[in-house]
Amino acid sequence: MNEKIAEHAAEVLKAIAHPIRLQIVELLHAGEMCVGDIVEALGGKQAITSQQLNMMKAKGVLSCRRDGARVYYRIENKNVIKLLRCIYDHCEHKKG
């Protein structure tokens, strides 16, 4: 693996390496959601959730579209789901 690919991989991993961001990715795995619905599902504050969404968007994990006053997010990089499944599988095996 060359240095540029390693750096990009590290950036993607950093982009999802937070409990709130992991929860957001799990929510969006089911489909596109608007910011308000994500905030409601997580029970957090809109400002914090928006920061997390924007950071993942900047790293290419998520993308968004505007519909009037609402902003809808979706997973842009589907490989993130595959990666998380491997990590979750590893965590499940370590439990028992």
Protein backbone atom coordinates (compact mmCIF):
# COMPACT_ATOMS: atom_id res chain seq x y z
CA MET A 1 0.00 0.00 0.00
CA ASN A 2 1.45 3.35 -0.94
CA GLU A 3 1.54 6.28 1.45
CA LYS A 4 -1.29 8.20 -0.25
CA ILE A 5 -3.70 5.25 0.02
CA ALA A 6 -2.67 4.67 3.64
CA GLU A 7 -3.34 8.32 4.48
CA HIS A 8 -6.75 8.22 2.79
CA ALA A 9 -7.68 4.99 4.61
CA ALA A 10 -6.66 6.56 7.92
CA GLU A 11 -8.84 9.61 7.19
CA VAL A 12 -11.88 7.43 6.48
CA LEU A 13 -11.30 5.45 9.67
CA LYS A 14 -10.97 8.67 11.69
CA ALA A 15 -14.18 9.97 10.11
CA ILE A 16 -16.24 7.12 11.57
CA ALA A 17 -14.25 6.48 14.75
CA HIS A 18 -16.65 8.09 17.23
CA PRO A 19 -19.73 6.59 18.93
CA ILE A 20 -22.12 9.26 17.60
CA ARG A 21 -20.76 8.93 14.07
CA LEU A 22 -21.08 5.13 14.24
CA GLN A 23 -24.71 5.52 15.32
CA ILE A 24 -25.36 7.94 12.47
CA VAL A 25 -23.90 5.53 9.92
CA GLU A 26 -26.08 2.73 11.34
CA LEU A 27 -29.18 4.93 11.02
CA LEU A 28 -28.34 5.90 7.47
CA HIS A 29 -27.64 2.30 6.50
CA ALA A 30 -31.44 1.87 6.46
CA GLY A 31 -31.79 4.83 4.08
CA GLU A 32 -31.62 8.56 3.64
CA MET A 33 -32.71 10.72 6.59
CA CYS A 34 -33.10 14.42 7.27
CA VAL A 35 -31.04 16.05 10.00
CA GLY A 36 -34.05 16.54 12.29
CA ASP A 37 -34.93 12.85 12.15
CA ILE A 38 -31.32 11.87 12.89
CA VAL A 39 -31.25 14.23 15.88
CA GLU A 40 -34.54 12.81 17.16
CA ALA A 41 -33.38 9.20 16.74
CA LEU A 42 -30.12 9.86 18.59
CA GLY A 43 -31.61 12.11 21.24
CA GLY A 44 -28.76 14.57 20.89
CA LYS A 45 -28.40 18.23 20.06
CA GLN A 46 -28.79 19.43 16.50
CA ALA A 47 -25.55 21.46 16.53
CA ILE A 48 -23.45 18.47 17.59
CA THR A 49 -25.17 16.12 15.16
CA SER A 50 -24.72 18.60 12.31
CA GLN A 51 -21.00 18.89 13.09
CA GLN A 52 -20.64 15.11 12.95
CA LEU A 53 -22.60 14.90 9.68
CA ASN A 54 -20.54 17.66 8.06
CA MET A 55 -17.26 16.06 9.10
CA MET A 56 -18.25 12.70 7.59
CA LYS A 57 -19.46 14.48 4.45
CA ALA A 58 -16.12 16.28 4.13
CA LYS A 59 -14.31 12.92 4.28
CA GLY A 60 -16.54 11.36 1.61
CA VAL A 61 -18.37 8.99 3.94
CA LEU A 62 -21.73 10.75 3.54
CA SER A 63 -23.38 12.94 0.94
CA CYS A 64 -26.42 15.17 1.23
CA ARG A 65 -29.13 16.92 -0.72
CA ARG A 66 -31.34 19.85 0.15
CA ASP A 67 -35.12 19.73 -0.23
CA GLY A 68 -36.49 23.12 0.75
CA ALA A 69 -35.44 23.81 4.32
CA ARG A 70 -34.48 20.18 5.00
CA VAL A 71 -31.11 18.56 4.40
CA TYR A 72 -31.09 14.82 3.78
CA TYR A 73 -28.01 12.68 4.34
CA ARG A 74 -27.12 9.28 2.91
CA ILE A 75 -24.11 7.01 2.89
CA GLU A 76 -21.88 7.88 -0.03
CA ASN A 77 -19.15 5.30 0.59
CA LYS A 78 -20.91 1.93 0.87
CA ASN A 79 -17.60 0.27 1.75
CA VAL A 80 -17.87 1.88 5.18
CA ILE A 81 -20.79 -0.48 5.93
CA LYS A 82 -18.68 -3.50 4.92
CA LEU A 83 -15.85 -2.28 7.12
CA LEU A 84 -18.13 -1.76 10.10
CA ARG A 85 -19.65 -5.23 9.70
CA CYS A 86 -16.14 -6.70 9.99
CA ILE A 87 -15.41 -4.61 13.08
CA TYR A 88 -18.73 -5.49 14.71
CA ASP A 89 -18.15 -9.17 13.93
CA HIS A 90 -14.76 -8.94 15.60
CA CYS A 91 -16.31 -7.26 18.67
CA GLU A 92 -18.98 -9.97 18.95
CA HIS A 93 -16.35 -12.72 18.86
CA LYS A 94 -14.30 -10.98 21.55
CA LYS A 95 -17.34 -10.81 23.89
CA GLY A 96 -17.73 -14.54 24.20
